[in-house]
Amino acid sequence: MCLAVPVRVLQIDSLEALVEVGGLARQASIMLVPDVQVGDYVLLHAGFAIQKLDEKEAEETIRLFEEIAEGMGD
């Protein structure tokens, strides 16, 4: 099963970006979404941003992931 996660772009340096979700930051390639800007949300898969996302859609997806994670702790 493949999973892509919505993340927010914090910084951009050429074709690399620092992205964040859930308080965790990591480097990601943005070569597939060259029009991305700081503050945008992107879908991250295997270290690559593969698509820009609508902010509301991304935040809702992150909220749902958090609910699922909380439910798994029971």
PDB file of N, CA and C in Angstrom:
ATOM      1  N   MET A   1       0.847  -1.175   0.000  1.00  0.00           N
ATOM      2  CA  MET A   1       0.000   0.000   0.000  1.00  0.00           C
ATOM      3  C   MET A   1       0.894   1.240   0.000  1.00  0.00           C
ATOM      4  N   CYS A   2       0.537   2.196  -0.787  1.00  0.00           N
ATOM      5  CA  CYS A   2       1.259   3.469  -0.853  1.00  0.00           C
ATOM      6  C   CYS A   2       0.472   4.521  -0.083  1.00  0.00           C
ATOM      7  N   LEU A   3       1.201   5.424   0.525  1.00  0.00           N
ATOM      8  CA  LEU A   3       0.566   6.485   1.289  1.00  0.00           C
ATOM      9  C   LEU A   3       1.251   7.802   0.983  1.00  0.00           C
ATOM     10  N   ALA A   4       0.466   8.798   0.697  1.00  0.00           N
ATOM     11  CA  ALA A   4       0.976  10.156   0.513  1.00  0.00           C
ATOM     12  C   ALA A   4       0.358  11.007   1.615  1.00  0.00           C
ATOM     13  N   VAL A   5       1.148  11.931   2.133  1.00  0.00           N
ATOM     14  CA  VAL A   5       0.741  12.724   3.286  1.00  0.00           C
ATOM     15  C   VAL A   5       0.769  14.207   2.932  1.00  0.00           C
ATOM     16  N   PRO A   6      -0.262  14.960   3.316  1.00  0.00           N
ATOM     17  CA  PRO A   6      -0.223  16.404   3.090  1.00  0.00           C
ATOM     18  C   PRO A   6       0.742  17.064   4.063  1.00  0.00           C
ATOM     19  N   VAL A   7       1.597  17.936   3.541  1.00  0.00           N
ATOM     20  CA  VAL A   7       2.580  18.659   4.356  1.00  0.00           C
ATOM     21  C   VAL A   7       2.587  20.121   3.927  1.00  0.00           C
ATOM     22  N   ARG A   8       3.048  20.981   4.844  1.00  0.00           N
ATOM     23  CA  ARG A   8       3.132  22.422   4.548  1.00  0.00           C
ATOM     24  C   ARG A   8       4.582  22.775   4.241  1.00  0.00           C
ATOM     25  N   VAL A   9       4.778  23.591   3.230  1.00  0.00           N
ATOM     26  CA  VAL A   9       6.115  24.014   2.822  1.00  0.00           C
ATOM     27  C   VAL A   9       6.570  25.172   3.706  1.00  0.00           C
ATOM     28  N   LEU A  10       7.734  24.978   4.367  1.00  0.00           N
ATOM     29  CA  LEU A  10       8.283  25.996   5.261  1.00  0.00           C
ATOM     30  C   LEU A  10       9.349  26.858   4.593  1.00  0.00           C
ATOM     31  N   GLN A  11      10.214  26.212   3.811  1.00  0.00           N
ATOM     32  CA  GLN A  11      11.312  26.909   3.135  1.00  0.00           C
ATOM     33  C   GLN A  11      11.549  26.242   1.790  1.00  0.00           C
ATOM     34  N   ILE A  12      12.075  27.011   0.848  1.00  0.00           N
ATOM     35  CA  ILE A  12      12.417  26.478  -0.470  1.00  0.00           C
ATOM     36  C   ILE A  12      13.846  26.872  -0.800  1.00  0.00           C
ATOM     37  N   ASP A  13      14.604  25.895  -1.292  1.00  0.00           N
ATOM     38  CA  ASP A  13      15.968  26.125  -1.752  1.00  0.00           C
ATOM     39  C   ASP A  13      16.140  25.354  -3.052  1.00  0.00           C
ATOM     40  N   SER A  14      15.963  26.058  -4.163  1.00  0.00           N
ATOM     41  CA  SER A  14      16.055  25.456  -5.499  1.00  0.00           C
ATOM     42  C   SER A  14      14.963  24.401  -5.665  1.00  0.00           C
ATOM     43  N   LEU A  15      15.338  23.147  -5.825  1.00  0.00           N
ATOM     44  CA  LEU A  15      14.349  22.082  -6.026  1.00  0.00           C
ATOM     45  C   LEU A  15      14.100  21.267  -4.765  1.00  0.00           C
ATOM     46  N   GLU A  16      14.554  21.786  -3.629  1.00  0.00           N
ATOM     47  CA  GLU A  16      14.344  21.146  -2.334  1.00  0.00           C
ATOM     48  C   GLU A  16      13.529  22.072  -1.445  1.00  0.00           C
ATOM     49  N   ALA A  17      12.748  21.457  -0.572  1.00  0.00           N
ATOM     50  CA  ALA A  17      11.953  22.255   0.363  1.00  0.00           C
ATOM     51  C   ALA A  17      12.001  21.613   1.738  1.00  0.00           C
ATOM     52  N   LEU A  18      11.898  22.439   2.756  1.00  0.00           N
ATOM     53  CA  LEU A  18      11.700  21.955   4.106  1.00  0.00           C
ATOM     54  C   LEU A  18      10.190  21.946   4.310  1.00  0.00           C
ATOM     55  N   VAL A  19       9.648  20.778   4.647  1.00  0.00           N
ATOM     56  CA  VAL A  19       8.204  20.635   4.817  1.00  0.00           C
ATOM     57  C   VAL A  19       7.915  20.146   6.225  1.00  0.00           C
ATOM     58  N   GLU A  20       6.673  20.365   6.683  1.00  0.00           N
ATOM     59  CA  GLU A  20       6.309  20.037   8.051  1.00  0.00           C
ATOM     60  C   GLU A  20       4.905  19.477   8.123  1.00  0.00           C
ATOM     61  N   VAL A  21       4.753  18.468   8.983  1.00  0.00           N
ATOM     62  CA  VAL A  21       3.428  17.974   9.358  1.00  0.00           C
ATOM     63  C   VAL A  21       3.535  17.388  10.761  1.00  0.00           C
ATOM     64  N   GLY A  22       2.580  17.694  11.582  1.00  0.00           N
ATOM     65  CA  GLY A  22       2.557  17.157  12.934  1.00  0.00           C
ATOM     66  C   GLY A  22       3.770  17.505  13.767  1.00  0.00           C
ATOM     67  N   GLY A  23       4.371  18.650  13.508  1.00  0.00           N
ATOM     68  CA  GLY A  23       5.526  19.072  14.266  1.00  0.00           C
ATOM     69  C   GLY A  23       6.842  18.474  13.790  1.00  0.00           C
ATOM     70  N   LEU A  24       6.794  17.625  12.783  1.00  0.00           N
ATOM     71  CA  LEU A  24       8.003  17.025  12.225  1.00  0.00           C
ATOM     72  C   LEU A  24       8.358  17.709  10.913  1.00  0.00           C
ATOM     73  N   ALA A  25       9.633  18.029  10.750  1.00  0.00           N
ATOM     74  CA  ALA A  25      10.090  18.666   9.521  1.00  0.00           C
ATOM     75  C   ALA A  25      11.067  17.741   8.810  1.00  0.00           C
ATOM     76  N   ARG A  26      11.067  17.804   7.480  1.00  0.00           N
ATOM     77  CA  ARG A  26      12.002  17.006   6.692  1.00  0.00           C
ATOM     78  C   ARG A  26      12.210  17.661   5.336  1.00  0.00           C
ATOM     79  N   GLN A  27      13.256  17.267   4.675  1.00  0.00           N
ATOM     80  CA  GLN A  27      13.543  17.757   3.330  1.00  0.00           C
ATOM     81  C   GLN A  27      12.718  16.959   2.323  1.00  0.00           C
ATOM     82  N   ALA A  28      12.304  17.622   1.263  1.00  0.00           N
ATOM     83  CA  ALA A  28      11.537  16.972   0.214  1.00  0.00           C
ATOM     84  C   ALA A  28      11.896  17.594  -1.131  1.00  0.00           C
ATOM     85  N   SER A  29      11.860  16.782  -2.155  1.00  0.00           N
ATOM     86  CA  SER A  29      12.075  17.285  -3.504  1.00  0.00           C
ATOM     87  C   SER A  29      10.787  17.920  -4.009  1.00  0.00           C
ATOM     88  N   ILE A  30      10.919  19.093  -4.630  1.00  0.00           N
ATOM     89  CA  ILE A  30       9.744  19.743  -5.224  1.00  0.00           C
ATOM     90  C   ILE A  30       9.881  19.814  -6.744  1.00  0.00           C
ATOM     91  N   MET A  31      10.749  18.970  -7.306  1.00  0.00           N
ATOM     92  CA  MET A  31      10.983  19.007  -8.749  1.00  0.00           C
ATOM     93  C   MET A  31       9.729  18.693  -9.567  1.00  0.00           C
ATOM     94  N   LEU A  32       8.759  17.992  -8.998  1.00  0.00           N
ATOM     95  CA  LEU A  32       7.535  17.636  -9.720  1.00  0.00           C
ATOM     96  C   LEU A  32       6.448  18.709  -9.614  1.00  0.00           C
ATOM     97  N   VAL A  33       6.639  19.674  -8.713  1.00  0.00           N
ATOM     98  CA  VAL A  33       5.672  20.771  -8.535  1.00  0.00           C
ATOM     99  C   VAL A  33       6.442  22.090  -8.475  1.00  0.00           C
ATOM    100  N   PRO A  34       6.994  22.521  -9.595  1.00  0.00           N
ATOM    101  CA  PRO A  34       7.882  23.690  -9.610  1.00  0.00           C
ATOM    102  C   PRO A  34       7.210  25.013  -9.226  1.00  0.00           C
ATOM    103  N   ASP A  35       5.893  25.072  -9.255  1.00  0.00           N
ATOM    104  CA  ASP A  35       5.204  26.326  -8.941  1.00  0.00           C
ATOM    105  C   ASP A  35       4.854  26.460  -7.460  1.00  0.00           C
ATOM    106  N   VAL A  36       5.342  25.557  -6.619  1.00  0.00           N
ATOM    107  CA  VAL A  36       5.023  25.591  -5.193  1.00  0.00           C
ATOM    108  C   VAL A  36       5.705  26.788  -4.525  1.00  0.00           C
ATOM    109  N   GLN A  37       5.031  27.349  -3.522  1.00  0.00           N
ATOM    110  CA  GLN A  37       5.520  28.507  -2.780  1.00  0.00           C
ATOM    111  C   GLN A  37       5.528  28.190  -1.288  1.00  0.00           C
ATOM    112  N   VAL A  38       6.319  28.937  -0.525  1.00  0.00           N
ATOM    113  CA  VAL A  38       6.315  28.799   0.926  1.00  0.00           C
ATOM    114  C   VAL A  38       4.890  29.033   1.430  1.00  0.00           C
ATOM    115  N   GLY A  39       4.440  28.166   2.324  1.00  0.00           N
ATOM    116  CA  GLY A  39       3.082  28.255   2.864  1.00  0.00           C
ATOM    117  C   GLY A  39       2.096  27.347   2.169  1.00  0.00           C
ATOM    118  N   ASP A  40       2.434  26.877   0.966  1.00  0.00           N
ATOM    119  CA  ASP A  40       1.560  25.948   0.242  1.00  0.00           C
ATOM    120  C   ASP A  40       1.553  24.592   0.923  1.00  0.00           C
ATOM    121  N   TYR A  41       0.507  23.841   0.682  1.00  0.00           N
ATOM    122  CA  TYR A  41       0.445  22.442   1.085  1.00  0.00           C
ATOM    123  C   TYR A  41       0.678  21.597  -0.152  1.00  0.00           C
ATOM    124  N   VAL A  42       1.439  20.519   0.038  1.00  0.00           N
ATOM    125  CA  VAL A  42       1.695  19.569  -1.043  1.00  0.00           C
ATOM    126  C   VAL A  42       1.465  18.163  -0.522  1.00  0.00           C
ATOM    127  N   LEU A  43       1.233  17.252  -1.445  1.00  0.00           N
ATOM    128  CA  LEU A  43       1.102  15.847  -1.121  1.00  0.00           C
ATOM    129  C   LEU A  43       2.488  15.234  -1.240  1.00  0.00           C
ATOM    130  N   LEU A  44       2.991  14.639  -0.151  1.00  0.00           N
ATOM    131  CA  LEU A  44       4.348  14.093  -0.102  1.00  0.00           C
ATOM    132  C   LEU A  44       4.308  12.576  -0.159  1.00  0.00           C
ATOM    133  N   HIS A  45       5.067  12.014  -1.091  1.00  0.00           N
ATOM    134  CA  HIS A  45       5.167  10.559  -1.221  1.00  0.00           C
ATOM    135  C   HIS A  45       6.617  10.192  -1.485  1.00  0.00           C
ATOM    136  N   ALA A  46       7.190   9.360  -0.640  1.00  0.00           N
ATOM    137  CA  ALA A  46       8.557   8.855  -0.802  1.00  0.00           C
ATOM    138  C   ALA A  46       9.569   9.984  -0.970  1.00  0.00           C
ATOM    139  N   GLY A  47       9.358  11.090  -0.246  1.00  0.00           N
ATOM    140  CA  GLY A  47      10.305  12.193  -0.290  1.00  0.00           C
ATOM    141  C   GLY A  47      10.100  13.180  -1.419  1.00  0.00           C
ATOM    142  N   PHE A  48       9.054  12.970  -2.220  1.00  0.00           N
ATOM    143  CA  PHE A  48       8.763  13.858  -3.348  1.00  0.00           C
ATOM    144  C   PHE A  48       7.391  14.502  -3.170  1.00  0.00           C
ATOM    145  N   ALA A  49       7.332  15.820  -3.354  1.00  0.00           N
ATOM    146  CA  ALA A  49       6.042  16.498  -3.431  1.00  0.00           C
ATOM    147  C   ALA A  49       5.464  16.156  -4.805  1.00  0.00           C
ATOM    148  N   ILE A  50       4.274  15.574  -4.821  1.00  0.00           N
ATOM    149  CA  ILE A  50       3.714  15.110  -6.094  1.00  0.00           C
ATOM    150  C   ILE A  50       2.537  15.941  -6.583  1.00  0.00           C
ATOM    151  N   GLN A  51       2.014  16.815  -5.721  1.00  0.00           N
ATOM    152  CA  GLN A  51       0.851  17.618  -6.119  1.00  0.00           C
ATOM    153  C   GLN A  51       0.621  18.719  -5.101  1.00  0.00           C
ATOM    154  N   LYS A  52       0.243  19.909  -5.573  1.00  0.00           N
ATOM    155  CA  LYS A  52      -0.190  20.972  -4.661  1.00  0.00           C
ATOM    156  C   LYS A  52      -1.601  20.652  -4.197  1.00  0.00           C
ATOM    157  N   LEU A  53      -1.906  21.054  -2.961  1.00  0.00           N
ATOM    158  CA  LEU A  53      -3.223  20.819  -2.394  1.00  0.00           C
ATOM    159  C   LEU A  53      -3.877  22.125  -1.972  1.00  0.00           C
ATOM    160  N   ASP A  54      -5.180  22.129  -1.998  1.00  0.00           N
ATOM    161  CA  ASP A  54      -5.963  23.214  -1.438  1.00  0.00           C
ATOM    162  C   ASP A  54      -5.756  23.221   0.077  1.00  0.00           C
ATOM    163  N   GLU A  55      -5.567  24.384   0.663  1.00  0.00           N
ATOM    164  CA  GLU A  55      -5.277  24.498   2.096  1.00  0.00           C
ATOM    165  C   GLU A  55      -6.341  23.845   2.968  1.00  0.00           C
ATOM    166  N   LYS A  56      -7.607  24.103   2.693  1.00  0.00           N
ATOM    167  CA  LYS A  56      -8.682  23.528   3.514  1.00  0.00           C
ATOM    168  C   LYS A  56      -8.714  22.011   3.400  1.00  0.00           C
ATOM    169  N   GLU A  57      -8.536  21.504   2.184  1.00  0.00           N
ATOM    170  CA  GLU A  57      -8.516  20.056   1.965  1.00  0.00           C
ATOM    171  C   GLU A  57      -7.343  19.417   2.721  1.00  0.00           C
ATOM    172  N   ALA A  58      -6.181  20.033   2.653  1.00  0.00           N
ATOM    173  CA  ALA A  58      -4.998  19.508   3.331  1.00  0.00           C
ATOM    174  C   ALA A  58      -5.206  19.502   4.844  1.00  0.00           C
ATOM    175  N   GLU A  59      -5.699  20.593   5.392  1.00  0.00           N
ATOM    176  CA  GLU A  59      -5.914  20.672   6.839  1.00  0.00           C
ATOM    177  C   GLU A  59      -6.942  19.657   7.307  1.00  0.00           C
ATOM    178  N   GLU A  60      -7.982  19.420   6.530  1.00  0.00           N
ATOM    179  CA  GLU A  60      -8.992  18.420   6.887  1.00  0.00           C
ATOM    180  C   GLU A  60      -8.382  17.016   6.857  1.00  0.00           C
ATOM    181  N   THR A  61      -7.569  16.722   5.872  1.00  0.00           N
ATOM    182  CA  THR A  61      -6.920  15.420   5.783  1.00  0.00           C
ATOM    183  C   THR A  61      -5.980  15.212   6.965  1.00  0.00           C
ATOM    184  N   ILE A  62      -5.203  16.226   7.321  1.00  0.00           N
ATOM    185  CA  ILE A  62      -4.309  16.139   8.482  1.00  0.00           C
ATOM    186  C   ILE A  62      -5.118  15.890   9.751  1.00  0.00           C
ATOM    187  N   ARG A  63      -6.232  16.575   9.891  1.00  0.00           N
ATOM    188  CA  ARG A  63      -7.101  16.382  11.066  1.00  0.00           C
ATOM    189  C   ARG A  63      -7.599  14.942  11.136  1.00  0.00           C
ATOM    190  N   LEU A  64      -7.989  14.382   9.989  1.00  0.00           N
ATOM    191  CA  LEU A  64      -8.467  13.002   9.960  1.00  0.00           C
ATOM    192  C   LEU A  64      -7.353  12.014  10.299  1.00  0.00           C
ATOM    193  N   PHE A  65      -6.144  12.249   9.796  1.00  0.00           N
ATOM    194  CA  PHE A  65      -5.009  11.397  10.153  1.00  0.00           C
ATOM    195  C   PHE A  65      -4.772  11.420  11.660  1.00  0.00           C
ATOM    196  N   GLU A  66      -4.863  12.611  12.262  1.00  0.00           N
ATOM    197  CA  GLU A  66      -4.665  12.739  13.704  1.00  0.00           C
ATOM    198  C   GLU A  66      -5.733  11.974  14.473  1.00  0.00           C
ATOM    199  N   GLU A  67      -6.980  12.023  14.019  1.00  0.00           N
ATOM    200  CA  GLU A  67      -8.062  11.265  14.662  1.00  0.00           C
ATOM    201  C   GLU A  67      -7.796   9.770  14.589  1.00  0.00           C
ATOM    202  N   ILE A  68      -7.351   9.310  13.434  1.00  0.00           N
ATOM    203  CA  ILE A  68      -7.050   7.887  13.263  1.00  0.00           C
ATOM    204  C   ILE A  68      -5.922   7.478  14.200  1.00  0.00           C
ATOM    205  N   ALA A  69      -4.879   8.294  14.269  1.00  0.00           N
ATOM    206  CA  ALA A  69      -3.737   7.976  15.153  1.00  0.00           C
ATOM    207  C   ALA A  69      -4.167   7.925  16.612  1.00  0.00           C
ATOM    208  N   GLU A  70      -5.032   8.851  17.021  1.00  0.00           N
ATOM    209  CA  GLU A  70      -5.523   8.851  18.390  1.00  0.00           C
ATOM    210  C   GLU A  70      -6.333   7.586  18.669  1.00  0.00           C
ATOM    211  N   GLY A  71      -7.145   7.173  17.711  1.00  0.00           N
ATOM    212  CA  GLY A  71      -7.966   5.974  17.869  1.00  0.00           C
ATOM    213  C   GLY A  71      -7.142   4.699  17.961  1.00  0.00           C
ATOM    214  N   MET A  72      -5.974   4.691  17.351  1.00  0.00           N
ATOM    215  CA  MET A  72      -5.118   3.509  17.388  1.00  0.00           C
ATOM    216  C   MET A  72      -4.439   3.357  18.744  1.00  0.00           C
ATOM    217  N   GLY A  73      -4.404   4.441  19.512  1.00  0.00           N
ATOM    218  CA  GLY A  73      -3.763   4.405  20.827  1.00  0.00           C
ATOM    219  C   GLY A  73      -4.631   3.776  21.896  1.00  0.00           C
ATOM    220  N   ASP A  74      -5.887   3.514  21.581  1.00  0.00           N
ATOM    221  CA  ASP A  74      -6.820   2.936  22.577  1.00  0.00           C
ATOM    222  C   ASP A  74      -6.564   1.474  22.821  1.00  0.00           C
TER     223      ASP A  74
END
